[in-house]
Amino acid sequence: SALDLIHARIMLEAKRNLVYTNLTIKTVAETLGFADPAYFTRFFKRQMGMSPKDFRYQSSQLASAR
């Protein structure tokens, strides 16, 4: 559906910002149009199965293992 495509695009940008920048989670949320960082965290967790903080940590661990 159209909503699924929008959510996929938001998640792509969120993951890029979390992996490739040092922006805070609050700033990432604001950049993507979320007024409340807590709502962004819930949205991200529902889509990915982990919090943005955990995703960023896991991504950094994978990058440093290479």
Protein backbone atom coordinates (compact mmCIF):
# COMPACT_ATOMS: atom_id res chain seq x y z
CA SER A 1 0.00 0.00 0.00
CA ALA A 2 0.99 3.63 -0.23
CA LEU A 3 1.47 3.83 3.54
CA ASP A 4 3.86 0.89 3.44
CA LEU A 5 5.96 2.66 0.81
CA ILE A 6 6.06 5.83 2.90
CA HIS A 7 7.08 3.87 6.00
CA ALA A 8 9.78 2.05 4.03
CA ARG A 9 11.21 5.35 2.80
CA ILE A 10 11.16 6.86 6.30
CA MET A 11 12.94 3.78 7.64
CA LEU A 12 15.59 3.97 4.91
CA GLU A 13 16.38 7.58 5.80
CA ALA A 14 16.29 6.82 9.53
CA LYS A 15 18.75 3.94 9.14
CA ARG A 16 21.06 6.05 6.96
CA ASN A 17 21.06 8.87 9.50
CA LEU A 18 21.68 6.51 12.41
CA VAL A 19 24.56 4.68 10.70
CA TYR A 20 26.33 7.43 8.77
CA THR A 21 25.88 10.49 11.00
CA ASN A 22 26.40 11.42 14.62
CA LEU A 23 23.01 13.12 14.85
CA THR A 24 21.12 12.48 18.05
CA ILE A 25 18.03 10.31 17.86
CA LYS A 26 15.98 13.41 18.66
CA THR A 27 17.49 15.25 15.69
CA VAL A 28 16.92 12.27 13.39
CA ALA A 29 13.29 12.17 14.52
CA GLU A 30 12.83 15.88 13.89
CA THR A 31 14.51 15.64 10.48
CA LEU A 32 12.05 12.94 9.47
CA GLY A 33 9.05 14.95 10.61
CA PHE A 34 8.32 13.37 13.98
CA ALA A 35 7.28 15.96 16.56
CA ASP A 36 7.95 13.56 19.44
CA PRO A 37 11.18 11.52 19.60
CA ALA A 38 9.37 8.90 21.70
CA TYR A 39 6.90 8.33 18.86
CA PHE A 40 9.78 7.98 16.42
CA THR A 41 11.36 5.38 18.71
CA ARG A 42 8.10 3.42 18.89
CA PHE A 43 7.68 3.63 15.10
CA PHE A 44 11.28 2.51 14.52
CA LYS A 45 10.99 -0.35 17.00
CA ARG A 46 7.73 -1.55 15.41
CA GLN A 47 9.36 -1.54 11.96
CA MET A 48 12.82 -2.93 12.84
CA GLY A 49 12.24 -4.93 16.00
CA MET A 50 14.83 -2.90 17.91
CA SER A 51 15.23 0.65 19.17
CA PRO A 52 17.15 3.26 17.17
CA LYS A 53 19.83 3.25 19.88
CA ASP A 54 20.25 -0.53 19.65
CA PHE A 55 20.30 -0.34 15.84
CA ARG A 56 23.04 2.30 15.91
CA TYR A 57 25.07 0.27 18.42
CA GLN A 58 24.69 -2.97 16.44
CA SER A 59 25.65 -1.21 13.21
CA SER A 60 28.77 0.27 14.79
CA GLN A 61 29.76 -3.15 16.13
CA LEU A 62 29.40 -4.71 12.68
CA ALA A 63 31.43 -1.92 11.10
CA SER A 64 34.24 -2.23 13.62
CA ALA A 65 34.37 -6.01 13.17
CA ARG A 66 35.29 -5.58 9.49
